[in-house]
Amino acid sequence: RQALAEIWNREIPDEPLPKVPQGKALEVEDYSNKGVSLAALGLHKQAIGEYKKAIALKPDHAPAFLNAGVSLASLNKPKDAAKAYIKAVKIDPSLGEAYYNYGLILKSWNRLEEAEKAFRKAMHLKSEMTAAWENLGILLSESGRQEEAFALLEEAVNPDAYNPRHHY
């Protein structure tokens, strides 16, 4: 609470710090959102604690697993992060971010075929996710598949107004 108060006072010095609501139990989204805020401040251990509280209330809360994975990866715990991403997509297979983040971990482990599948799944679910396009292009290029990488990246930058994959 002290870290949040310091940021509040620095960023919004003319406004009084809001009081913590009393008498209302926090809900799943409250814990999850608190975790996101803590993670944004770089307080990943504390964020994970909030995600755990959200998961305890609702074990199938996929965003809490996704965000816990991000914090675990930030704490250099890729195995735990990978488990969190896998759990997130088992609960909600539409989470493109979880596939993308899992792909990054797989790529770092040199499990390139699996990473490629994860990036492609992320792109399928969220075609506007430019980082997935970029990382897949890099992976393909590093795998000696330059022509495929070039075609993929060329598609991403095609300025055709009717191209839903135009991102740059």
C-alpha atoms as a PDB file:
ATOM      1  CA  ARG A   1       0.000   0.000   0.000  1.00  0.00           C
ATOM      2  CA  GLN A   2       2.878   2.355   0.789  1.00  0.00           C
ATOM      3  CA  ALA A   3       4.383   1.984  -2.712  1.00  0.00           C
ATOM      4  CA  LEU A   4       1.016   2.729  -4.302  1.00  0.00           C
ATOM      5  CA  ALA A   5       0.559   5.751  -2.015  1.00  0.00           C
ATOM      6  CA  GLU A   6       3.964   7.136  -3.030  1.00  0.00           C
ATOM      7  CA  ILE A   7       3.139   6.780  -6.720  1.00  0.00           C
ATOM      8  CA  TRP A   8      -0.293   8.356  -6.200  1.00  0.00           C
ATOM      9  CA  ASN A   9       1.207  11.326  -4.364  1.00  0.00           C
ATOM     10  CA  ARG A  10       3.891  11.781  -7.027  1.00  0.00           C
ATOM     11  CA  GLU A  11       1.537  11.468 -10.005  1.00  0.00           C
ATOM     12  CA  ILE A  12      -1.589  13.130  -8.602  1.00  0.00           C
ATOM     13  CA  PRO A  13      -0.344  15.414  -5.810  1.00  0.00           C
ATOM     14  CA  ASP A  14      -3.486  17.573  -5.709  1.00  0.00           C
ATOM     15  CA  GLU A  15      -5.857  14.665  -5.098  1.00  0.00           C
ATOM     16  CA  PRO A  16      -6.178  12.905  -1.745  1.00  0.00           C
ATOM     17  CA  LEU A  17      -5.350   9.224  -1.652  1.00  0.00           C
ATOM     18  CA  PRO A  18      -8.600   7.227  -1.879  1.00  0.00           C
ATOM     19  CA  LYS A  19      -9.522   5.239   1.191  1.00  0.00           C
ATOM     20  CA  VAL A  20      -9.668   1.468   1.016  1.00  0.00           C
ATOM     21  CA  PRO A  21     -13.334   0.401   0.941  1.00  0.00           C
ATOM     22  CA  GLN A  22     -14.383  -1.188   4.203  1.00  0.00           C
ATOM     23  CA  GLY A  23     -16.895  -3.955   4.675  1.00  0.00           C
ATOM     24  CA  LYS A  24     -16.850  -5.249   1.093  1.00  0.00           C
ATOM     25  CA  ALA A  25     -15.014  -8.469   0.400  1.00  0.00           C
ATOM     26  CA  LEU A  26     -12.731  -8.367  -2.590  1.00  0.00           C
ATOM     27  CA  GLU A  27     -13.848 -10.399  -5.587  1.00  0.00           C
ATOM     28  CA  VAL A  28     -11.929 -12.339  -8.217  1.00  0.00           C
ATOM     29  CA  GLU A  29     -11.552  -9.364 -10.555  1.00  0.00           C
ATOM     30  CA  ASP A  30     -10.420  -7.150  -7.681  1.00  0.00           C
ATOM     31  CA  TYR A  31      -7.551  -9.484  -6.819  1.00  0.00           C
ATOM     32  CA  SER A  32      -6.680 -10.001 -10.469  1.00  0.00           C
ATOM     33  CA  ASN A  33      -6.664  -6.260 -11.180  1.00  0.00           C
ATOM     34  CA  LYS A  34      -4.616  -5.594  -8.065  1.00  0.00           C
ATOM     35  CA  GLY A  35      -2.095  -8.134  -9.329  1.00  0.00           C
ATOM     36  CA  VAL A  36      -1.911  -6.395 -12.713  1.00  0.00           C
ATOM     37  CA  SER A  37      -1.298  -3.057 -10.985  1.00  0.00           C
ATOM     38  CA  LEU A  38       1.442  -4.516  -8.804  1.00  0.00           C
ATOM     39  CA  ALA A  39       3.072  -6.177 -11.811  1.00  0.00           C
ATOM     40  CA  ALA A  40       3.017  -2.875 -13.697  1.00  0.00           C
ATOM     41  CA  LEU A  41       5.016  -1.435 -10.797  1.00  0.00           C
ATOM     42  CA  GLY A  42       7.518  -4.279 -11.064  1.00  0.00           C
ATOM     43  CA  LEU A  43       6.261  -5.899  -7.862  1.00  0.00           C
ATOM     44  CA  HIS A  44       5.886  -9.354  -9.393  1.00  0.00           C
ATOM     45  CA  LYS A  45       6.109 -11.417  -6.199  1.00  0.00           C
ATOM     46  CA  GLN A  46       3.285  -9.410  -4.675  1.00  0.00           C
ATOM     47  CA  ALA A  47       1.343  -9.622  -7.941  1.00  0.00           C
ATOM     48  CA  ILE A  48       1.571 -13.407  -7.905  1.00  0.00           C
ATOM     49  CA  GLY A  49       0.126 -13.389  -4.396  1.00  0.00           C
ATOM     50  CA  GLU A  50      -2.906 -11.484  -5.689  1.00  0.00           C
ATOM     51  CA  TYR A  51      -3.328 -13.832  -8.660  1.00  0.00           C
ATOM     52  CA  LYS A  52      -3.264 -16.777  -6.254  1.00  0.00           C
ATOM     53  CA  LYS A  53      -6.068 -15.158  -4.249  1.00  0.00           C
ATOM     54  CA  ALA A  54      -8.103 -14.718  -7.447  1.00  0.00           C
ATOM     55  CA  ILE A  55      -7.488 -18.345  -8.424  1.00  0.00           C
ATOM     56  CA  ALA A  56      -8.444 -19.541  -4.932  1.00  0.00           C
ATOM     57  CA  LEU A  57     -11.814 -17.842  -5.390  1.00  0.00           C
ATOM     58  CA  LYS A  58     -12.267 -18.977  -8.973  1.00  0.00           C
ATOM     59  CA  PRO A  59      -9.948 -21.803 -10.079  1.00  0.00           C
ATOM     60  CA  ASP A  60     -10.968 -21.368 -13.719  1.00  0.00           C
ATOM     61  CA  HIS A  61     -10.061 -17.656 -13.925  1.00  0.00           C
ATOM     62  CA  ALA A  62      -7.850 -17.810 -17.025  1.00  0.00           C
ATOM     63  CA  PRO A  63      -6.663 -14.155 -16.912  1.00  0.00           C
ATOM     64  CA  ALA A  64      -5.146 -14.746 -13.471  1.00  0.00           C
ATOM     65  CA  PHE A  65      -3.126 -17.681 -14.850  1.00  0.00           C
ATOM     66  CA  LEU A  66      -2.060 -15.635 -17.885  1.00  0.00           C
ATOM     67  CA  ASN A  67      -0.954 -12.704 -15.747  1.00  0.00           C
ATOM     68  CA  ALA A  68       0.724 -14.968 -13.205  1.00  0.00           C
ATOM     69  CA  GLY A  69       2.706 -16.411 -16.105  1.00  0.00           C
ATOM     70  CA  VAL A  70       3.878 -12.935 -17.078  1.00  0.00           C
ATOM     71  CA  SER A  71       5.020 -12.225 -13.524  1.00  0.00           C
ATOM     72  CA  LEU A  72       6.693 -15.622 -13.197  1.00  0.00           C
ATOM     73  CA  ALA A  73       8.551 -15.040 -16.463  1.00  0.00           C
ATOM     74  CA  SER A  74       9.627 -11.622 -15.157  1.00  0.00           C
ATOM     75  CA  LEU A  75      11.010 -13.361 -12.072  1.00  0.00           C
ATOM     76  CA  ASN A  76      13.019 -15.687 -14.356  1.00  0.00           C
ATOM     77  CA  LYS A  77      10.876 -18.722 -13.582  1.00  0.00           C
ATOM     78  CA  PRO A  78      10.145 -19.925 -17.128  1.00  0.00           C
ATOM     79  CA  LYS A  79       9.012 -23.443 -16.159  1.00  0.00           C
ATOM     80  CA  ASP A  80       6.410 -22.070 -13.785  1.00  0.00           C
ATOM     81  CA  ALA A  81       5.410 -19.411 -16.299  1.00  0.00           C
ATOM     82  CA  ALA A  82       4.959 -22.069 -18.989  1.00  0.00           C
ATOM     83  CA  LYS A  83       2.703 -24.088 -16.659  1.00  0.00           C
ATOM     84  CA  ALA A  84       0.616 -20.988 -15.983  1.00  0.00           C
ATOM     85  CA  TYR A  85       0.220 -20.262 -19.725  1.00  0.00           C
ATOM     86  CA  ILE A  86      -0.769 -23.874 -20.420  1.00  0.00           C
ATOM     87  CA  LYS A  87      -3.362 -23.725 -17.647  1.00  0.00           C
ATOM     88  CA  ALA A  88      -4.697 -20.414 -19.011  1.00  0.00           C
ATOM     89  CA  VAL A  89      -5.295 -21.817 -22.502  1.00  0.00           C
ATOM     90  CA  LYS A  90      -6.816 -25.016 -21.151  1.00  0.00           C
ATOM     91  CA  ILE A  91      -9.384 -22.839 -19.407  1.00  0.00           C
ATOM     92  CA  ASP A  92      -9.787 -20.328 -22.233  1.00  0.00           C
ATOM     93  CA  PRO A  93      -8.408 -21.479 -25.610  1.00  0.00           C
ATOM     94  CA  SER A  94      -9.000 -18.002 -27.070  1.00  0.00           C
ATOM     95  CA  LEU A  95      -6.172 -16.349 -25.086  1.00  0.00           C
ATOM     96  CA  GLY A  96      -3.770 -15.430 -27.861  1.00  0.00           C
ATOM     97  CA  GLU A  97      -1.468 -13.688 -25.397  1.00  0.00           C
ATOM     98  CA  ALA A  98      -0.937 -16.932 -23.497  1.00  0.00           C
ATOM     99  CA  TYR A  99       0.010 -18.788 -26.691  1.00  0.00           C
ATOM    100  CA  TYR A 100       2.392 -15.973 -27.644  1.00  0.00           C
ATOM    101  CA  ASN A 101       4.082 -15.878 -24.246  1.00  0.00           C
ATOM    102  CA  TYR A 102       4.335 -19.662 -24.198  1.00  0.00           C
ATOM    103  CA  GLY A 103       5.925 -19.468 -27.649  1.00  0.00           C
ATOM    104  CA  LEU A 104       8.586 -17.097 -26.331  1.00  0.00           C
ATOM    105  CA  ILE A 105       9.494 -19.566 -23.602  1.00  0.00           C
ATOM    106  CA  LEU A 106       9.561 -22.486 -26.041  1.00  0.00           C
ATOM    107  CA  LYS A 107      11.803 -20.460 -28.378  1.00  0.00           C
ATOM    108  CA  SER A 108      14.191 -19.705 -25.494  1.00  0.00           C
ATOM    109  CA  TRP A 109      14.349 -23.461 -24.815  1.00  0.00           C
ATOM    110  CA  ASN A 110      15.135 -24.045 -28.518  1.00  0.00           C
ATOM    111  CA  ARG A 111      11.897 -26.008 -28.971  1.00  0.00           C
ATOM    112  CA  LEU A 112      11.376 -24.255 -32.278  1.00  0.00           C
ATOM    113  CA  GLU A 113       8.639 -26.406 -33.821  1.00  0.00           C
ATOM    114  CA  GLU A 114       6.473 -25.998 -30.738  1.00  0.00           C
ATOM    115  CA  ALA A 115       7.271 -22.284 -30.550  1.00  0.00           C
ATOM    116  CA  GLU A 116       6.247 -21.873 -34.184  1.00  0.00           C
ATOM    117  CA  LYS A 117       2.914 -23.568 -33.478  1.00  0.00           C
ATOM    118  CA  ALA A 118       2.336 -21.337 -30.455  1.00  0.00           C
ATOM    119  CA  PHE A 119       3.119 -18.153 -32.419  1.00  0.00           C
ATOM    120  CA  ARG A 120       0.865 -19.247 -35.273  1.00  0.00           C
ATOM    121  CA  LYS A 121      -1.964 -20.001 -32.834  1.00  0.00           C
ATOM    122  CA  ALA A 122      -1.523 -16.566 -31.256  1.00  0.00           C
ATOM    123  CA  MET A 123      -1.623 -14.941 -34.702  1.00  0.00           C
ATOM    124  CA  HIS A 124      -4.734 -16.913 -35.622  1.00  0.00           C
ATOM    125  CA  LEU A 125      -6.508 -15.792 -32.466  1.00  0.00           C
ATOM    126  CA  LYS A 126      -5.227 -12.207 -32.492  1.00  0.00           C
ATOM    127  CA  SER A 127      -4.098 -11.253 -35.962  1.00  0.00           C
ATOM    128  CA  GLU A 128      -3.261  -7.752 -34.722  1.00  0.00           C
ATOM    129  CA  MET A 129      -0.604  -9.100 -32.325  1.00  0.00           C
ATOM    130  CA  THR A 130       2.425  -7.724 -34.144  1.00  0.00           C
ATOM    131  CA  ALA A 131       4.904  -9.242 -31.698  1.00  0.00           C
ATOM    132  CA  ALA A 132       3.753 -12.746 -32.680  1.00  0.00           C
ATOM    133  CA  TRP A 133       4.270 -11.931 -36.371  1.00  0.00           C
ATOM    134  CA  GLU A 134       7.692 -10.486 -35.666  1.00  0.00           C
ATOM    135  CA  ASN A 135       8.858 -13.363 -33.465  1.00  0.00           C
ATOM    136  CA  LEU A 136       7.600 -15.968 -35.898  1.00  0.00           C
ATOM    137  CA  GLY A 137       9.437 -14.179 -38.715  1.00  0.00           C
ATOM    138  CA  ILE A 138      12.635 -14.169 -36.673  1.00  0.00           C
ATOM    139  CA  LEU A 139      12.201 -17.831 -35.754  1.00  0.00           C
ATOM    140  CA  LEU A 140      11.676 -18.793 -39.397  1.00  0.00           C
ATOM    141  CA  SER A 141      14.684 -16.766 -40.508  1.00  0.00           C
ATOM    142  CA  GLU A 142      16.919 -18.223 -37.801  1.00  0.00           C
ATOM    143  CA  SER A 143      15.736 -21.690 -38.861  1.00  0.00           C
ATOM    144  CA  GLY A 144      16.994 -21.087 -42.396  1.00  0.00           C
ATOM    145  CA  ARG A 145      13.507 -20.484 -43.786  1.00  0.00           C
ATOM    146  CA  GLN A 146      14.217 -16.965 -45.045  1.00  0.00           C
ATOM    147  CA  GLU A 147      11.768 -17.083 -47.953  1.00  0.00           C
ATOM    148  CA  GLU A 148       8.926 -18.093 -45.660  1.00  0.00           C
ATOM    149  CA  ALA A 149       9.966 -15.453 -43.111  1.00  0.00           C
ATOM    150  CA  PHE A 150      10.096 -12.778 -45.811  1.00  0.00           C
ATOM    151  CA  ALA A 151       6.662 -13.726 -47.160  1.00  0.00           C
ATOM    152  CA  LEU A 152       5.184 -13.652 -43.659  1.00  0.00           C
ATOM    153  CA  LEU A 153       6.655 -10.260 -42.814  1.00  0.00           C
ATOM    154  CA  GLU A 154       5.737  -8.892 -46.231  1.00  0.00           C
ATOM    155  CA  GLU A 155       2.123  -9.872 -45.566  1.00  0.00           C
ATOM    156  CA  ALA A 156       2.237  -8.107 -42.203  1.00  0.00           C
ATOM    157  CA  VAL A 157       3.393  -4.823 -43.781  1.00  0.00           C
ATOM    158  CA  ASN A 158       1.210  -4.948 -46.899  1.00  0.00           C
ATOM    159  CA  PRO A 159      -0.572  -1.568 -46.946  1.00  0.00           C
ATOM    160  CA  ASP A 160      -3.666  -2.961 -48.674  1.00  0.00           C
ATOM    161  CA  ALA A 161      -6.634  -1.462 -46.813  1.00  0.00           C
ATOM    162  CA  TYR A 162      -8.468  -4.784 -47.104  1.00  0.00           C
ATOM    163  CA  ASN A 163      -5.649  -6.779 -45.539  1.00  0.00           C
ATOM    164  CA  PRO A 164      -6.715  -7.637 -41.966  1.00  0.00           C
ATOM    165  CA  ARG A 165      -3.130  -8.678 -41.262  1.00  0.00           C
ATOM    166  CA  HIS A 166      -1.622  -5.270 -42.048  1.00  0.00           C
ATOM    167  CA  HIS A 167       0.063  -4.137 -38.853  1.00  0.00           C
ATOM    168  CA  TYR A 168       2.932  -1.782 -39.613  1.00  0.00           C
END
